[in-house]
C-alpha atoms as a PDB file:
ATOM      1  CA  MET A   1       0.000   0.000   0.000  1.00  0.00           C
ATOM      2  CA  LEU A   2       1.305   3.412  -0.987  1.00  0.00           C
ATOM      3  CA  ARG A   3       1.282   6.565   1.091  1.00  0.00           C
ATOM      4  CA  LEU A   4      -0.442   9.583  -0.380  1.00  0.00           C
ATOM      5  CA  THR A   5       2.891  11.403  -0.697  1.00  0.00           C
ATOM      6  CA  GLU A   6       4.256   8.518  -2.785  1.00  0.00           C
ATOM      7  CA  VAL A   7       1.230   8.589  -5.074  1.00  0.00           C
ATOM      8  CA  LEU A   8       1.394  12.374  -5.442  1.00  0.00           C
ATOM      9  CA  ALA A   9       5.081  12.180  -6.369  1.00  0.00           C
ATOM     10  CA  GLU A  10       4.405   9.446  -8.933  1.00  0.00           C
ATOM     11  CA  LEU A  11       1.558  11.429 -10.486  1.00  0.00           C
ATOM     12  CA  ASP A  12       3.400  14.756 -10.163  1.00  0.00           C
ATOM     13  CA  MET A  13       0.250  16.185  -8.578  1.00  0.00           C
ATOM     14  CA  SER A  14      -0.384  18.497  -5.656  1.00  0.00           C
ATOM     15  CA  ARG A  15      -2.300  17.362  -2.593  1.00  0.00           C
ATOM     16  CA  ALA A  16      -4.979  19.997  -3.313  1.00  0.00           C
ATOM     17  CA  ALA A  17      -5.450  18.732  -6.883  1.00  0.00           C
ATOM     18  CA  PHE A  18      -5.762  15.156  -5.602  1.00  0.00           C
ATOM     19  CA  TYR A  19      -8.425  16.136  -3.074  1.00  0.00           C
ATOM     20  CA  ARG A  20     -10.340  18.087  -5.750  1.00  0.00           C
ATOM     21  CA  MET A  21     -10.348  14.987  -7.955  1.00  0.00           C
ATOM     22  CA  ARG A  22     -11.404  12.877  -4.990  1.00  0.00           C
ATOM     23  CA  ALA A  23     -14.299  15.237  -4.227  1.00  0.00           C
ATOM     24  CA  ARG A  24     -15.506  14.775  -7.823  1.00  0.00           C
ATOM     25  CA  GLY A  25     -15.136  10.995  -7.609  1.00  0.00           C
ATOM     26  CA  LEU A  26     -12.312  10.958 -10.171  1.00  0.00           C
ATOM     27  CA  ALA A  27      -9.376   9.840  -8.006  1.00  0.00           C
ATOM     28  CA  PRO A  28      -8.146   6.297  -7.408  1.00  0.00           C
ATOM     29  CA  ARG A  29      -9.807   4.353  -4.615  1.00  0.00           C
ATOM     30  CA  ILE A  30      -8.333   5.031  -1.182  1.00  0.00           C
ATOM     31  CA  VAL A  31      -8.108   3.100   2.071  1.00  0.00           C
ATOM     32  CA  LYS A  32      -8.499   5.051   5.322  1.00  0.00           C
ATOM     33  CA  LEU A  33      -6.537   3.552   8.167  1.00  0.00           C
ATOM     34  CA  PRO A  34      -7.751   3.675  11.790  1.00  0.00           C
ATOM     35  CA  ASN A  35      -5.193   6.421  12.493  1.00  0.00           C
ATOM     36  CA  HIS A  36      -6.889   8.521   9.735  1.00  0.00           C
ATOM     37  CA  GLN A  37      -4.012   8.170   7.307  1.00  0.00           C
ATOM     38  CA  ILE A  38      -4.759   7.464   3.656  1.00  0.00           C
ATOM     39  CA  ARG A  39      -3.241   4.636   1.642  1.00  0.00           C
ATOM     40  CA  ILE A  40      -3.751   3.594  -1.958  1.00  0.00           C
ATOM     41  CA  ARG A  41      -3.263   0.039  -3.113  1.00  0.00           C
ATOM     42  CA  ARG A  42      -0.781  -0.313  -5.986  1.00  0.00           C
ATOM     43  CA  ALA A  43      -3.323  -2.404  -7.926  1.00  0.00           C
ATOM     44  CA  ASP A  44      -5.992   0.314  -7.525  1.00  0.00           C
ATOM     45  CA  LEU A  45      -3.576   3.016  -8.678  1.00  0.00           C
ATOM     46  CA  ASP A  46      -2.469   0.958 -11.688  1.00  0.00           C
ATOM     47  CA  ALA A  47      -6.097   0.241 -12.648  1.00  0.00           C
ATOM     48  CA  TRP A  48      -6.984   3.919 -12.293  1.00  0.00           C
ATOM     49  CA  LEU A  49      -3.999   4.941 -14.431  1.00  0.00           C
ATOM     50  CA  SER A  50      -5.040   2.465 -17.133  1.00  0.00           C
ATOM     51  CA  GLY A  51      -8.489   4.033 -17.160  1.00  0.00           C
ATOM     52  CA  GLN A  52      -6.981   7.488 -17.638  1.00  0.00           C
ATOM     53  CA  GLU A  53      -5.261   6.619 -20.919  1.00  0.00           C
ATOM     54  CA  GLU A  54      -6.725   8.308 -23.945  1.00  0.00           C
ATOM     55  CA  GLN A  55      -8.481   6.075 -26.427  1.00  0.00           C
ATOM     56  CA  PRO A  56      -7.143   6.326 -29.978  1.00  0.00           C
ATOM     57  CA  ALA A  57      -9.327   8.303 -32.383  1.00  0.00           C
ATOM     58  CA  ALA A  58     -11.314   6.128 -34.755  1.00  0.00           C
END
Protein backbone atom coordinates (compact mmCIF):
# COMPACT_ATOMS: atom_id res chain seq x y z
CA MET A 1 0.00 0.00 0.00
CA LEU A 2 1.30 3.41 -0.99
CA ARG A 3 1.28 6.57 1.09
CA LEU A 4 -0.44 9.58 -0.38
CA THR A 5 2.89 11.40 -0.70
CA GLU A 6 4.26 8.52 -2.78
CA VAL A 7 1.23 8.59 -5.07
CA LEU A 8 1.39 12.37 -5.44
CA ALA A 9 5.08 12.18 -6.37
CA GLU A 10 4.40 9.45 -8.93
CA LEU A 11 1.56 11.43 -10.49
CA ASP A 12 3.40 14.76 -10.16
CA MET A 13 0.25 16.18 -8.58
CA SER A 14 -0.38 18.50 -5.66
CA ARG A 15 -2.30 17.36 -2.59
CA ALA A 16 -4.98 20.00 -3.31
CA ALA A 17 -5.45 18.73 -6.88
CA PHE A 18 -5.76 15.16 -5.60
CA TYR A 19 -8.42 16.14 -3.07
CA ARG A 20 -10.34 18.09 -5.75
CA MET A 21 -10.35 14.99 -7.95
CA ARG A 22 -11.40 12.88 -4.99
CA ALA A 23 -14.30 15.24 -4.23
CA ARG A 24 -15.51 14.78 -7.82
CA GLY A 25 -15.14 11.00 -7.61
CA LEU A 26 -12.31 10.96 -10.17
CA ALA A 27 -9.38 9.84 -8.01
CA PRO A 28 -8.15 6.30 -7.41
CA ARG A 29 -9.81 4.35 -4.62
CA ILE A 30 -8.33 5.03 -1.18
CA VAL A 31 -8.11 3.10 2.07
CA LYS A 32 -8.50 5.05 5.32
CA LEU A 33 -6.54 3.55 8.17
CA PRO A 34 -7.75 3.68 11.79
CA ASN A 35 -5.19 6.42 12.49
CA HIS A 36 -6.89 8.52 9.74
CA GLN A 37 -4.01 8.17 7.31
CA ILE A 38 -4.76 7.46 3.66
CA ARG A 39 -3.24 4.64 1.64
CA ILE A 40 -3.75 3.59 -1.96
CA ARG A 41 -3.26 0.04 -3.11
CA ARG A 42 -0.78 -0.31 -5.99
CA ALA A 43 -3.32 -2.40 -7.93
CA ASP A 44 -5.99 0.31 -7.52
CA LEU A 45 -3.58 3.02 -8.68
CA ASP A 46 -2.47 0.96 -11.69
CA ALA A 47 -6.10 0.24 -12.65
CA TRP A 48 -6.98 3.92 -12.29
CA LEU A 49 -4.00 4.94 -14.43
CA SER A 50 -5.04 2.47 -17.13
CA GLY A 51 -8.49 4.03 -17.16
CA GLN A 52 -6.98 7.49 -17.64
CA GLU A 53 -5.26 6.62 -20.92
CA GLU A 54 -6.72 8.31 -23.95
CA GLN A 55 -8.48 6.08 -26.43
CA PRO A 56 -7.14 6.33 -29.98
CA ALA A 57 -9.33 8.30 -32.38
CA ALA A 58 -11.31 6.13 -34.76
